[in-house]
Amino acid sequence: MPKTKKNKKCSRARQFLWYSFSVGSFGLRCITAITLLVIACKIQPLKNQARFFNSCVEESVEGSRSVSEAVSFCNGGS
């Protein structure tokens, strides 16, 4: 007697769970990407400020100041 293959179809509830999980996963990935983009945009001004500060310290050290005096000067001291 040959075995017949049963046509296994997922129930509607299982299909709904599968599709909702897929959509939820895709949504989470989109939210994560947007969050990383926002973090990168927030870090950019800090990077520019650090670059400016480092160049200020380097110029002050070249102008015959010690490193501690140059840092104090670039922080707003005299």
C-alpha atoms as a PDB file:
ATOM      1  CA  MET A   1       0.000   0.000   0.000  1.00  0.00           C
ATOM      2  CA  PRO A   2       1.649   3.240  -1.078  1.00  0.00           C
ATOM      3  CA  LYS A   3       1.772   6.113   1.348  1.00  0.00           C
ATOM      4  CA  THR A   4       0.022   9.219   0.221  1.00  0.00           C
ATOM      5  CA  LYS A   5       1.447  12.598   0.956  1.00  0.00           C
ATOM      6  CA  LYS A   6      -0.793  14.773   2.966  1.00  0.00           C
ATOM      7  CA  ASN A   7      -1.047  18.328   1.823  1.00  0.00           C
ATOM      8  CA  LYS A   8       0.125  20.185   4.901  1.00  0.00           C
ATOM      9  CA  LYS A   9      -1.105  23.730   4.864  1.00  0.00           C
ATOM     10  CA  CYS A  10      -0.574  26.117   7.680  1.00  0.00           C
ATOM     11  CA  SER A  11      -3.638  27.250   9.470  1.00  0.00           C
ATOM     12  CA  ARG A  12      -4.727  30.868   9.175  1.00  0.00           C
ATOM     13  CA  ALA A  13      -3.616  31.565  12.725  1.00  0.00           C
ATOM     14  CA  ARG A  14      -0.123  30.245  12.014  1.00  0.00           C
ATOM     15  CA  GLN A  15       0.132  32.251   8.817  1.00  0.00           C
ATOM     16  CA  PHE A  16      -0.966  35.362  10.668  1.00  0.00           C
ATOM     17  CA  LEU A  17       1.661  34.784  13.364  1.00  0.00           C
ATOM     18  CA  TRP A  18       4.339  34.164  10.763  1.00  0.00           C
ATOM     19  CA  TYR A  19       3.547  37.320   8.803  1.00  0.00           C
ATOM     20  CA  SER A  20       3.156  39.451  11.912  1.00  0.00           C
ATOM     21  CA  PHE A  21       6.527  38.235  13.195  1.00  0.00           C
ATOM     22  CA  SER A  22       8.136  39.058   9.838  1.00  0.00           C
ATOM     23  CA  VAL A  23       6.600  42.528   9.729  1.00  0.00           C
ATOM     24  CA  GLY A  24       7.550  43.143  13.348  1.00  0.00           C
ATOM     25  CA  SER A  25      11.129  42.086  12.704  1.00  0.00           C
ATOM     26  CA  PHE A  26      11.342  44.368   9.687  1.00  0.00           C
ATOM     27  CA  GLY A  27       9.879  47.229  11.721  1.00  0.00           C
ATOM     28  CA  LEU A  28      12.426  46.732  14.487  1.00  0.00           C
ATOM     29  CA  ARG A  29      15.264  46.788  11.982  1.00  0.00           C
ATOM     30  CA  CYS A  30      13.960  50.049  10.530  1.00  0.00           C
ATOM     31  CA  ILE A  31      13.686  51.602  13.986  1.00  0.00           C
ATOM     32  CA  THR A  32      17.224  50.465  14.797  1.00  0.00           C
ATOM     33  CA  ALA A  33      18.590  51.973  11.587  1.00  0.00           C
ATOM     34  CA  ILE A  34      16.854  55.285  12.262  1.00  0.00           C
ATOM     35  CA  THR A  35      18.144  55.305  15.836  1.00  0.00           C
ATOM     36  CA  LEU A  36      21.721  54.733  14.688  1.00  0.00           C
ATOM     37  CA  LEU A  37      21.371  57.547  12.162  1.00  0.00           C
ATOM     38  CA  VAL A  38      20.138  59.914  14.884  1.00  0.00           C
ATOM     39  CA  ILE A  39      23.043  58.943  17.148  1.00  0.00           C
ATOM     40  CA  ALA A  40      25.518  59.588  14.333  1.00  0.00           C
ATOM     41  CA  CYS A  41      23.971  63.011  13.713  1.00  0.00           C
ATOM     42  CA  LYS A  42      24.225  63.858  17.408  1.00  0.00           C
ATOM     43  CA  ILE A  43      27.908  62.836  17.567  1.00  0.00           C
ATOM     44  CA  GLN A  44      28.980  64.930  14.562  1.00  0.00           C
ATOM     45  CA  PRO A  45      29.013  68.308  16.419  1.00  0.00           C
ATOM     46  CA  LEU A  46      31.064  66.767  19.231  1.00  0.00           C
ATOM     47  CA  LYS A  47      33.568  65.537  16.679  1.00  0.00           C
ATOM     48  CA  ASN A  48      33.860  69.008  15.163  1.00  0.00           C
ATOM     49  CA  GLN A  49      34.261  70.607  18.588  1.00  0.00           C
ATOM     50  CA  ALA A  50      36.995  68.129  19.537  1.00  0.00           C
ATOM     51  CA  ARG A  51      38.828  68.800  16.270  1.00  0.00           C
ATOM     52  CA  PHE A  52      38.657  72.551  16.896  1.00  0.00           C
ATOM     53  CA  PHE A  53      39.872  72.119  20.483  1.00  0.00           C
ATOM     54  CA  ASN A  54      42.798  69.922  19.400  1.00  0.00           C
ATOM     55  CA  SER A  55      43.871  72.412  16.749  1.00  0.00           C
ATOM     56  CA  CYS A  56      43.656  75.224  19.312  1.00  0.00           C
ATOM     57  CA  VAL A  57      45.886  73.292  21.729  1.00  0.00           C
ATOM     58  CA  GLU A  58      48.391  72.455  18.982  1.00  0.00           C
ATOM     59  CA  GLU A  59      48.621  76.088  17.873  1.00  0.00           C
ATOM     60  CA  SER A  60      49.037  77.256  21.459  1.00  0.00           C
ATOM     61  CA  VAL A  61      51.798  74.717  22.125  1.00  0.00           C
ATOM     62  CA  GLU A  62      53.593  75.877  18.976  1.00  0.00           C
ATOM     63  CA  GLY A  63      53.294  79.437  20.296  1.00  0.00           C
ATOM     64  CA  SER A  64      55.664  78.619  23.184  1.00  0.00           C
ATOM     65  CA  ARG A  65      53.078  77.616  25.803  1.00  0.00           C
ATOM     66  CA  SER A  66      53.149  74.453  27.881  1.00  0.00           C
ATOM     67  CA  VAL A  67      50.479  71.853  27.247  1.00  0.00           C
ATOM     68  CA  SER A  68      48.652  72.640  30.495  1.00  0.00           C
ATOM     69  CA  GLU A  69      48.645  76.372  29.699  1.00  0.00           C
ATOM     70  CA  ALA A  70      47.405  75.661  26.179  1.00  0.00           C
ATOM     71  CA  VAL A  71      44.540  73.499  27.482  1.00  0.00           C
ATOM     72  CA  SER A  72      43.599  76.169  29.998  1.00  0.00           C
ATOM     73  CA  PHE A  73      43.686  78.842  27.293  1.00  0.00           C
ATOM     74  CA  CYS A  74      41.522  76.802  24.903  1.00  0.00           C
ATOM     75  CA  ASN A  75      39.013  76.135  27.693  1.00  0.00           C
ATOM     76  CA  GLY A  76      38.484  79.870  28.055  1.00  0.00           C
ATOM     77  CA  GLY A  77      41.147  80.729  30.579  1.00  0.00           C
ATOM     78  CA  SER A  78      43.694  83.496  30.059  1.00  0.00           C
END
